[in-house]
PDB file of N, CA and C in Angstrom:
ATOM      1  N   MET A   1      68.610-132.437 135.288  1.00  0.00           N
ATOM      2  CA  MET A   1      67.914-132.479 136.825  1.00  0.00           C
ATOM      3  C   MET A   1      68.277-132.404 138.322  1.00  0.00           C
ATOM      4  N   GLY A   2      69.628-132.949 138.453  1.00  0.00           N
ATOM      5  CA  GLY A   2      70.019-133.268 139.534  1.00  0.00           C
ATOM      6  C   GLY A   2      69.634-134.285 140.690  1.00  0.00           C
ATOM      7  N   LYS A   3      69.138-133.672 141.943  1.00  0.00           N
ATOM      8  CA  LYS A   3      68.494-133.829 142.884  1.00  0.00           C
ATOM      9  C   LYS A   3      67.002-133.620 142.927  1.00  0.00           C
ATOM     10  N   SER A   4      66.179-133.195 142.270  1.00  0.00           N
ATOM     11  CA  SER A   4      65.112-132.339 142.693  1.00  0.00           C
ATOM     12  C   SER A   4      64.095-133.075 143.000  1.00  0.00           C
ATOM     13  N   VAL A   5      64.070-134.219 141.600  1.00  0.00           N
ATOM     14  CA  VAL A   5      62.950-135.409 142.113  1.00  0.00           C
ATOM     15  C   VAL A   5      62.924-135.794 143.568  1.00  0.00           C
ATOM     16  N   SER A   6      64.006-136.311 143.747  1.00  0.00           N
ATOM     17  CA  SER A   6      64.010-137.174 145.471  1.00  0.00           C
ATOM     18  C   SER A   6      64.460-136.060 146.318  1.00  0.00           C
ATOM     19  N   ASP A   7      64.214-134.990 146.435  1.00  0.00           N
ATOM     20  CA  ASP A   7      64.448-133.969 147.034  1.00  0.00           C
ATOM     21  C   ASP A   7      63.152-133.310 147.332  1.00  0.00           C
ATOM     22  N   ILE A   8      62.300-133.015 146.158  1.00  0.00           N
ATOM     23  CA  ILE A   8      60.330-132.708 146.371  1.00  0.00           C
ATOM     24  C   ILE A   8      59.949-133.913 147.212  1.00  0.00           C
ATOM     25  N   LYS A   9      60.416-135.493 146.655  1.00  0.00           N
ATOM     26  CA  LYS A   9      59.430-136.512 147.410  1.00  0.00           C
ATOM     27  C   LYS A   9      59.878-136.759 148.851  1.00  0.00           C
ATOM     28  N   SER A  10      61.780-136.121 149.396  1.00  0.00           N
ATOM     29  CA  SER A  10      61.473-136.270 150.775  1.00  0.00           C
ATOM     30  C   SER A  10      60.594-135.429 151.475  1.00  0.00           C
ATOM     31  N   LEU A  11      60.621-133.978 150.662  1.00  0.00           N
ATOM     32  CA  LEU A  11      59.866-132.949 151.102  1.00  0.00           C
ATOM     33  C   LEU A  11      58.253-132.514 151.402  1.00  0.00           C
ATOM     34  N   CYS A  12      57.664-133.750 150.820  1.00  0.00           N
ATOM     35  CA  CYS A  12      57.042-133.494 150.636  1.00  0.00           C
ATOM     36  C   CYS A  12      56.192-134.757 150.294  1.00  0.00           C
ATOM     37  N   PRO A  13      56.110-135.002 151.616  1.00  0.00           N
ATOM     38  CA  PRO A  13      55.711-136.733 151.594  1.00  0.00           C
ATOM     39  C   PRO A  13      54.159-136.980 151.090  1.00  0.00           C
ATOM     40  N   GLY A  14      54.119-138.598 150.948  1.00  0.00           N
ATOM     41  CA  GLY A  14      52.480-138.682 150.581  1.00  0.00           C
ATOM     42  C   GLY A  14      51.886-138.005 149.058  1.00  0.00           C
ATOM     43  N   ALA A  15      52.858-137.140 148.385  1.00  0.00           N
ATOM     44  CA  ALA A  15      52.599-136.673 146.785  1.00  0.00           C
ATOM     45  C   ALA A  15      52.837-137.355 146.108  1.00  0.00           C
ATOM     46  N   THR A  16      52.398-137.233 145.281  1.00  0.00           N
ATOM     47  CA  THR A  16      52.685-137.946 144.586  1.00  0.00           C
ATOM     48  C   THR A  16      53.519-137.264 143.088  1.00  0.00           C
ATOM     49  N   VAL A  17      55.109-137.616 142.594  1.00  0.00           N
ATOM     50  CA  VAL A  17      55.613-137.024 142.449  1.00  0.00           C
ATOM     51  C   VAL A  17      56.076-137.842 141.012  1.00  0.00           C
ATOM     52  N   LYS A  18      55.669-137.166 139.607  1.00  0.00           N
ATOM     53  CA  LYS A  18      56.134-137.985 138.263  1.00  0.00           C
ATOM     54  C   LYS A  18      57.545-137.092 137.625  1.00  0.00           C
ATOM     55  N   ASP A  19      58.059-138.421 136.581  1.00  0.00           N
ATOM     56  CA  ASP A  19      59.385-137.053 135.738  1.00  0.00           C
ATOM     57  C   ASP A  19      59.237-136.118 135.592  1.00  0.00           C
ATOM     58  N   GLY A  20      59.601-135.330 136.402  1.00  0.00           N
ATOM     59  CA  GLY A  20      60.197-134.527 135.243  1.00  0.00           C
ATOM     60  C   GLY A  20      60.471-134.363 134.160  1.00  0.00           C
ATOM     61  N   LEU A  21      60.413-132.786 133.309  1.00  0.00           N
ATOM     62  CA  LEU A  21      61.434-132.411 132.676  1.00  0.00           C
ATOM     63  C   LEU A  21      62.347-131.924 131.939  1.00  0.00           C
ATOM     64  N   ALA A  22      63.547-131.835 131.448  1.00  0.00           N
ATOM     65  CA  ALA A  22      65.082-131.218 131.545  1.00  0.00           C
ATOM     66  C   ALA A  22      64.921-130.637 130.487  1.00  0.00           C
ATOM     67  N   ILE A  23      64.871-129.522 130.487  1.00  0.00           N
ATOM     68  CA  ILE A  23      65.269-128.268 129.199  1.00  0.00           C
ATOM     69  C   ILE A  23      66.341-127.884 129.676  1.00  0.00           C
ATOM     70  N   TYR A  24      67.147-127.428 128.338  1.00  0.00           N
ATOM     71  CA  TYR A  24      68.659-126.589 128.878  1.00  0.00           C
ATOM     72  C   TYR A  24      68.256-125.378 128.272  1.00  0.00           C
ATOM     73  N   GLY A  25      69.073-124.309 129.163  1.00  0.00           N
ATOM     74  CA  GLY A  25      68.893-123.165 128.662  1.00  0.00           C
ATOM     75  C   GLY A  25      68.749-122.191 127.467  1.00  0.00           C
ATOM     76  N   SER A  26      69.749-123.313 126.627  1.00  0.00           N
ATOM     77  CA  SER A  26      70.167-122.884 125.449  1.00  0.00           C
ATOM     78  C   SER A  26      68.759-123.447 124.436  1.00  0.00           C
ATOM     79  N   ARG A  27      68.224-124.263 125.105  1.00  0.00           N
ATOM     80  CA  ARG A  27      66.869-125.053 123.852  1.00  0.00           C
ATOM     81  C   ARG A  27      65.283-124.477 124.761  1.00  0.00           C
ATOM     82  N   VAL A  28      65.206-123.482 125.566  1.00  0.00           N
ATOM     83  CA  VAL A  28      64.439-123.054 125.778  1.00  0.00           C
ATOM     84  C   VAL A  28      63.279-122.652 124.693  1.00  0.00           C
ATOM     85  N   ASP A  29      63.710-121.627 123.726  1.00  0.00           N
ATOM     86  CA  ASP A  29      62.695-120.851 122.940  1.00  0.00           C
ATOM     87  C   ASP A  29      62.390-121.686 122.324  1.00  0.00           C
ATOM     88  N   ARG A  30      63.128-123.287 121.573  1.00  0.00           N
ATOM     89  CA  ARG A  30      62.556-124.493 121.317  1.00  0.00           C
ATOM     90  C   ARG A  30      62.121-125.254 121.770  1.00  0.00           C
ATOM     91  N   ALA A  31      61.267-125.410 122.914  1.00  0.00           N
ATOM     92  CA  ALA A  31      60.801-125.817 123.568  1.00  0.00           C
ATOM     93  C   ALA A  31      58.782-126.407 123.990  1.00  0.00           C
ATOM     94  N   LYS A  32      58.461-125.569 123.749  1.00  0.00           N
ATOM     95  CA  LYS A  32      57.167-125.991 123.476  1.00  0.00           C
ATOM     96  C   LYS A  32      56.370-126.652 123.247  1.00  0.00           C
ATOM     97  N   SER A  33      56.711-127.401 121.857  1.00  0.00           N
ATOM     98  CA  SER A  33      56.157-128.300 122.120  1.00  0.00           C
ATOM     99  C   SER A  33      56.376-129.823 122.652  1.00  0.00           C
ATOM    100  N   ASP A  34      57.603-129.413 123.323  1.00  0.00           N
ATOM    101  CA  ASP A  34      58.254-130.886 124.667  1.00  0.00           C
ATOM    102  C   ASP A  34      57.419-130.894 125.334  1.00  0.00           C
ATOM    103  N   ILE A  35      57.295-129.374 126.379  1.00  0.00           N
ATOM    104  CA  ILE A  35      56.258-129.050 127.096  1.00  0.00           C
ATOM    105  C   ILE A  35      54.919-129.401 126.971  1.00  0.00           C
ATOM    106  N   GLU A  36      54.204-129.034 125.497  1.00  0.00           N
ATOM    107  CA  GLU A  36      52.920-129.360 125.727  1.00  0.00           C
ATOM    108  C   GLU A  36      52.981-130.753 125.670  1.00  0.00           C
ATOM    109  N   ARG A  37      53.670-131.575 124.773  1.00  0.00           N
ATOM    110  CA  ARG A  37      54.144-133.370 125.499  1.00  0.00           C
ATOM    111  C   ARG A  37      54.168-133.782 126.533  1.00  0.00           C
ATOM    112  N   TRP A  38      54.876-133.418 127.209  1.00  0.00           N
ATOM    113  CA  TRP A  38      55.184-133.642 128.501  1.00  0.00           C
ATOM    114  C   TRP A  38      54.067-133.304 130.006  1.00  0.00           C
ATOM    115  N   VAL A  39      53.450-132.222 129.305  1.00  0.00           N
ATOM    116  CA  VAL A  39      51.984-132.183 130.128  1.00  0.00           C
ATOM    117  C   VAL A  39      51.030-132.965 129.556  1.00  0.00           C
ATOM    118  N   LYS A  40      50.583-133.116 128.975  1.00  0.00           N
ATOM    119  CA  LYS A  40      49.891-134.019 128.907  1.00  0.00           C
ATOM    120  C   LYS A  40      49.930-135.530 129.147  1.00  0.00           C
TER     121      LYS A  40
END
């Protein structure tokens, strides 16, 4: 995810920015359950 979270925090002051979920392109077709858990 690189600097994505820190970039978003600096561009959106006052926003609540939570940890992201890194999904590698080669695993995207198997990521549905990971995404569902992360959203909850």
